[in-house]
């Protein structure tokens, strides 16, 4: 009734949080690794605050916004070495998404 179960199910990132903490520790980022290990109660509090700030309005990403962010992140990670390829993938993905929407 208080939303805690819902918020817990919504996070579902416990495994990823543990993996992130392990990677940060292996890179000697002890302070950040501790921040990645939060309790369920702390997670619920943070999620609730975010939802309240958003006035409980969460916009699900569109395919276009998702592929744009994904392509941009990959481009940054590869330091622009594959920019031409990522631009092609981005344009092709949007084209295919448009075709699917017309079906």
N, C-alpha and C. Protein backbone atom coordinates (compact mmCIF):
# COMPACT_ATOMS: atom_id res chain seq x y z
N UNK A 1 0.81 -1.20 0.00
CA UNK A 1 0.00 0.00 0.00
C UNK A 1 0.86 1.26 0.00
N UNK A 2 2.09 1.16 0.55
CA UNK A 2 2.93 2.36 0.62
C UNK A 2 3.85 2.50 -0.58
N UNK A 3 3.78 1.58 -1.52
CA UNK A 3 4.57 1.70 -2.74
C UNK A 3 5.96 1.09 -2.67
N UNK A 4 6.38 0.62 -1.50
CA UNK A 4 7.74 0.08 -1.39
C UNK A 4 7.93 -1.15 -2.27
N UNK A 5 6.96 -2.03 -2.28
CA UNK A 5 7.08 -3.23 -3.11
C UNK A 5 7.16 -2.87 -4.58
N UNK A 6 6.34 -1.90 -4.98
CA UNK A 6 6.35 -1.44 -6.36
C UNK A 6 7.71 -0.86 -6.72
N UNK A 7 8.25 0.01 -5.87
CA UNK A 7 9.53 0.64 -6.16
C UNK A 7 10.64 -0.39 -6.19
N UNK A 8 10.56 -1.39 -5.33
CA UNK A 8 11.59 -2.43 -5.32
C UNK A 8 11.55 -3.22 -6.63
N UNK A 9 10.36 -3.56 -7.08
CA UNK A 9 10.23 -4.29 -8.34
C UNK A 9 10.68 -3.43 -9.51
N UNK A 10 10.45 -2.15 -9.42
CA UNK A 10 10.82 -1.25 -10.51
C UNK A 10 12.33 -1.12 -10.66
N UNK A 11 13.07 -1.20 -9.54
CA UNK A 11 14.52 -1.00 -9.65
C UNK A 11 15.14 -2.20 -10.35
N UNK A 12 15.09 -3.38 -9.75
CA UNK A 12 15.59 -4.59 -10.38
C UNK A 12 17.04 -4.55 -10.83
N UNK A 13 17.83 -3.68 -10.23
CA UNK A 13 19.22 -3.55 -10.65
C UNK A 13 20.20 -4.03 -9.59
N UNK A 14 19.78 -4.93 -8.72
CA UNK A 14 20.66 -5.38 -7.64
C UNK A 14 21.93 -6.01 -8.19
N UNK A 15 21.80 -6.86 -9.21
CA UNK A 15 22.98 -7.52 -9.78
C UNK A 15 23.90 -6.49 -10.41
N UNK A 16 23.34 -5.56 -11.16
CA UNK A 16 24.14 -4.54 -11.81
C UNK A 16 24.86 -3.66 -10.79
N UNK A 17 24.16 -3.36 -9.68
CA UNK A 17 24.78 -2.55 -8.64
C UNK A 17 25.98 -3.27 -8.04
N UNK A 18 25.85 -4.57 -7.82
CA UNK A 18 26.97 -5.35 -7.28
C UNK A 18 28.13 -5.39 -8.26
N UNK A 19 27.81 -5.57 -9.55
CA UNK A 19 28.87 -5.59 -10.56
C UNK A 19 29.56 -4.23 -10.65
N UNK A 20 28.78 -3.15 -10.58
CA UNK A 20 29.36 -1.81 -10.62
C UNK A 20 30.28 -1.60 -9.43
N UNK A 21 29.85 -2.01 -8.26
CA UNK A 21 30.69 -1.86 -7.07
C UNK A 21 31.99 -2.64 -7.23
N UNK A 22 31.92 -3.84 -7.78
CA UNK A 22 33.13 -4.66 -7.97
C UNK A 22 34.08 -3.99 -8.96
N UNK A 23 33.54 -3.45 -10.04
CA UNK A 23 34.39 -2.77 -11.03
C UNK A 23 35.03 -1.53 -10.42
N UNK A 24 34.24 -0.74 -9.70
CA UNK A 24 34.79 0.47 -9.08
C UNK A 24 35.88 0.12 -8.07
N UNK A 25 35.67 -0.95 -7.30
CA UNK A 25 36.70 -1.38 -6.35
C UNK A 25 37.96 -1.82 -7.09
N UNK A 26 37.79 -2.54 -8.20
CA UNK A 26 38.96 -3.00 -8.94
C UNK A 26 39.74 -1.84 -9.54
N UNK A 27 39.06 -0.72 -9.75
CA UNK A 27 39.72 0.47 -10.29
C UNK A 27 40.18 1.41 -9.18
N UNK A 28 40.06 0.96 -7.94
CA UNK A 28 40.46 1.73 -6.76
C UNK A 28 39.60 2.96 -6.52
N UNK A 29 38.32 2.86 -6.82
CA UNK A 29 37.38 3.92 -6.51
C UNK A 29 36.55 3.50 -5.30
N UNK A 30 37.22 3.32 -4.16
CA UNK A 30 36.53 2.80 -2.98
C UNK A 30 35.35 3.67 -2.57
N UNK A 31 35.50 5.00 -2.62
CA UNK A 31 34.42 5.88 -2.19
C UNK A 31 33.19 5.71 -3.08
N UNK A 32 33.40 5.62 -4.39
CA UNK A 32 32.29 5.44 -5.30
C UNK A 32 31.68 4.06 -5.19
N UNK A 33 32.50 3.06 -4.92
CA UNK A 33 31.98 1.70 -4.78
C UNK A 33 31.03 1.62 -3.60
N UNK A 34 31.34 2.32 -2.53
CA UNK A 34 30.45 2.35 -1.38
C UNK A 34 29.12 2.99 -1.73
N UNK A 35 29.17 4.01 -2.58
CA UNK A 35 27.94 4.68 -2.99
C UNK A 35 27.06 3.76 -3.84
N UNK A 36 27.67 2.80 -4.54
CA UNK A 36 26.90 1.89 -5.38
C UNK A 36 26.22 0.81 -4.55
N UNK A 37 26.64 0.63 -3.31
CA UNK A 37 26.06 -0.39 -2.44
C UNK A 37 25.12 0.27 -1.45
N UNK A 38 23.85 0.40 -1.84
CA UNK A 38 22.88 1.01 -0.96
C UNK A 38 21.87 -0.04 -0.54
N UNK A 39 21.21 0.22 0.55
CA UNK A 39 20.21 -0.72 1.04
C UNK A 39 18.92 -0.53 0.26
N UNK A 40 18.02 -1.51 0.39
CA UNK A 40 16.72 -1.39 -0.26
C UNK A 40 15.97 -0.17 0.24
N UNK A 41 16.06 0.09 1.54
CA UNK A 41 15.36 1.24 2.11
C UNK A 41 15.90 2.55 1.54
N UNK A 42 17.23 2.64 1.40
CA UNK A 42 17.83 3.85 0.82
C UNK A 42 17.42 4.01 -0.64
N UNK A 43 17.36 2.92 -1.35
CA UNK A 43 16.97 2.96 -2.76
C UNK A 43 15.53 3.45 -2.89
N UNK A 44 14.65 2.94 -2.05
CA UNK A 44 13.25 3.34 -2.10
C UNK A 44 13.12 4.84 -1.81
N UNK A 45 13.87 5.32 -0.82
CA UNK A 45 13.83 6.75 -0.49
C UNK A 45 14.28 7.59 -1.68
N UNK A 46 15.38 7.20 -2.31
CA UNK A 46 15.89 7.94 -3.47
C UNK A 46 14.90 7.89 -4.63
N UNK A 47 14.36 6.72 -4.90
CA UNK A 47 13.41 6.58 -6.00
C UNK A 47 12.16 7.41 -5.74
N UNK A 48 11.70 7.39 -4.51
CA UNK A 48 10.51 8.16 -4.16
C UNK A 48 10.75 9.66 -4.34
N UNK A 49 11.95 10.12 -3.93
CA UNK A 49 12.28 11.54 -4.11
C UNK A 49 12.30 11.92 -5.58
N UNK A 50 12.90 11.06 -6.40
CA UNK A 50 12.94 11.34 -7.84
C UNK A 50 11.52 11.40 -8.39
N UNK A 51 10.69 10.43 -8.02
CA UNK A 51 9.31 10.41 -8.52
C UNK A 51 8.53 11.64 -8.06
N UNK A 52 8.76 12.08 -6.82
CA UNK A 52 8.07 13.27 -6.33
C UNK A 52 8.52 14.51 -7.08
N UNK A 53 9.82 14.62 -7.35
CA UNK A 53 10.33 15.77 -8.12
C UNK A 53 9.72 15.77 -9.52
N UNK A 54 9.58 14.59 -10.09
CA UNK A 54 8.99 14.47 -11.42
C UNK A 54 7.47 14.57 -11.38
N UNK A 55 6.94 14.79 -10.18
CA UNK A 55 5.50 14.84 -9.97
C UNK A 55 4.85 13.55 -10.46
N UNK A 56 5.56 12.44 -10.29
CA UNK A 56 5.12 11.10 -10.63
C UNK A 56 4.84 10.95 -12.13
N UNK A 57 5.42 11.84 -12.94
CA UNK A 57 5.28 11.75 -14.40
C UNK A 57 6.59 11.23 -14.97
N UNK A 58 6.57 10.05 -15.46
CA UNK A 58 7.77 9.46 -16.05
C UNK A 58 7.48 9.21 -17.52
N UNK A 59 8.31 9.79 -18.36
CA UNK A 59 8.15 9.58 -19.79
C UNK A 59 9.03 8.42 -20.21
N UNK A 60 8.41 7.44 -20.80
CA UNK A 60 9.20 6.32 -21.29
C UNK A 60 9.93 6.77 -22.54
N UNK A 61 11.16 6.32 -22.70
CA UNK A 61 11.92 6.76 -23.86
C UNK A 61 11.31 6.26 -25.16
N UNK A 62 11.41 7.08 -26.17
CA UNK A 62 10.99 6.66 -27.50
C UNK A 62 12.14 5.89 -28.13
N UNK A 63 11.84 5.20 -29.20
CA UNK A 63 12.91 4.48 -29.88
C UNK A 63 13.97 5.47 -30.37
N UNK A 64 13.52 6.61 -30.88
CA UNK A 64 14.46 7.61 -31.40
C UNK A 64 15.37 8.14 -30.29
N UNK A 65 14.80 8.45 -29.13
CA UNK A 65 15.65 8.98 -28.04
C UNK A 65 16.60 7.89 -27.54
N UNK A 66 16.12 6.65 -27.47
CA UNK A 66 16.97 5.57 -26.98
C UNK A 66 18.14 5.32 -27.93
N UNK A 67 17.88 5.21 -29.22
CA UNK A 67 18.96 4.93 -30.17
C UNK A 67 19.91 6.12 -30.27
N UNK A 68 19.40 7.33 -30.09
CA UNK A 68 20.27 8.51 -30.10
C UNK A 68 21.23 8.50 -28.93
N UNK A 69 20.71 8.23 -27.75
CA UNK A 69 21.57 8.17 -26.56
C UNK A 69 22.56 7.03 -26.68
N UNK A 70 22.10 5.88 -27.11
CA UNK A 70 22.97 4.71 -27.25
C UNK A 70 24.09 4.99 -28.24
N UNK A 71 23.76 5.53 -29.40
CA UNK A 71 24.77 5.83 -30.42
C UNK A 71 25.76 6.88 -29.93
N UNK A 72 25.25 7.90 -29.26
CA UNK A 72 26.13 8.95 -28.74
C UNK A 72 27.09 8.40 -27.71
N UNK A 73 26.60 7.55 -26.81
CA UNK A 73 27.48 6.97 -25.79
C UNK A 73 28.56 6.10 -26.42
N UNK A 74 28.18 5.29 -27.39
CA UNK A 74 29.17 4.45 -28.06
C UNK A 74 30.20 5.31 -28.79
N UNK A 75 29.74 6.39 -29.39
CA UNK A 75 30.64 7.29 -30.09
C UNK A 75 31.63 7.93 -29.12
N UNK A 76 31.15 8.35 -27.97
CA UNK A 76 32.03 8.95 -26.96
C UNK A 76 33.03 7.91 -26.47
N UNK A 77 32.56 6.69 -26.21
CA UNK A 77 33.45 5.65 -25.70
C UNK A 77 34.54 5.29 -26.70
N UNK A 78 34.25 5.40 -27.99
CA UNK A 78 35.24 5.07 -29.00
C UNK A 78 36.00 6.31 -29.49
N UNK A 79 35.79 7.41 -28.79
CA UNK A 79 36.49 8.67 -29.07
C UNK A 79 36.37 9.09 -30.54
N UNK A 80 35.17 9.00 -31.07
CA UNK A 80 34.84 9.42 -32.43
C UNK A 80 35.49 8.58 -33.54
N UNK A 81 36.17 7.51 -33.19
CA UNK A 81 36.83 6.70 -34.22
C UNK A 81 35.83 6.00 -35.13
N UNK A 82 34.64 5.74 -34.62
CA UNK A 82 33.62 5.04 -35.41
C UNK A 82 32.41 5.91 -35.67
N UNK A 83 32.60 7.21 -35.62
CA UNK A 83 31.48 8.15 -35.75
C UNK A 83 30.68 7.93 -37.03
N UNK A 84 31.36 7.73 -38.14
CA UNK A 84 30.67 7.51 -39.41
C UNK A 84 29.78 6.28 -39.34
N UNK A 85 30.30 5.22 -38.75
CA UNK A 85 29.52 3.98 -38.61
C UNK A 85 28.33 4.19 -37.69
N UNK A 86 28.53 4.89 -36.58
CA UNK A 86 27.42 5.12 -35.65
C UNK A 86 26.35 6.02 -36.27
N UNK A 87 26.76 6.98 -37.08
CA UNK A 87 25.78 7.83 -37.77
C UNK A 87 24.95 6.99 -38.74
N UNK A 88 25.63 6.08 -39.46
CA UNK A 88 24.91 5.21 -40.38
C UNK A 88 23.93 4.32 -39.63
N UNK A 89 24.39 3.73 -38.52
CA UNK A 89 23.52 2.87 -37.70
C UNK A 89 22.33 3.66 -37.20
N UNK A 90 22.58 4.88 -36.72
CA UNK A 90 21.51 5.72 -36.18
C UNK A 90 20.47 6.02 -37.27
N UNK A 91 20.94 6.47 -38.44
CA UNK A 91 20.01 6.79 -39.54
C UNK A 91 19.24 5.54 -39.99
N UNK A 92 19.94 4.43 -40.12
CA UNK A 92 19.30 3.19 -40.56
C UNK A 92 18.27 2.71 -39.53
N UNK A 93 18.62 2.81 -38.26
CA UNK A 93 17.70 2.38 -37.20
C UNK A 93 16.43 3.21 -37.21
N UNK A 94 16.58 4.52 -37.38
CA UNK A 94 15.39 5.38 -37.43
C UNK A 94 14.55 5.08 -38.66
N UNK A 95 15.20 4.80 -39.76
CA UNK A 95 14.48 4.46 -40.98
C UNK A 95 13.69 3.17 -40.79
N UNK A 96 14.33 2.17 -40.21
CA UNK A 96 13.64 0.89 -39.96
C UNK A 96 12.51 1.06 -38.97
N UNK A 97 12.73 1.87 -37.94
CA UNK A 97 11.67 2.10 -36.95
C UNK A 97 10.47 2.76 -37.62
N UNK A 98 10.74 3.71 -38.52
CA UNK A 98 9.65 4.35 -39.25
C UNK A 98 8.87 3.38 -40.11
N UNK A 99 9.58 2.47 -40.76
CA UNK A 99 8.92 1.46 -41.59
C UNK A 99 8.06 0.53 -40.74
N UNK A 100 8.57 0.15 -39.58
CA UNK A 100 7.80 -0.73 -38.69
C UNK A 100 6.53 -0.03 -38.23
N UNK A 101 6.62 1.26 -37.95
CA UNK A 101 5.45 2.01 -37.48
C UNK A 101 4.37 2.10 -38.56
N UNK A 102 4.77 2.03 -39.82
CA UNK A 102 3.80 2.10 -40.92
C UNK A 102 3.10 0.78 -41.18
N UNK A 103 3.62 -0.31 -40.62
CA UNK A 103 3.01 -1.62 -40.87
C UNK A 103 1.67 -1.76 -40.19
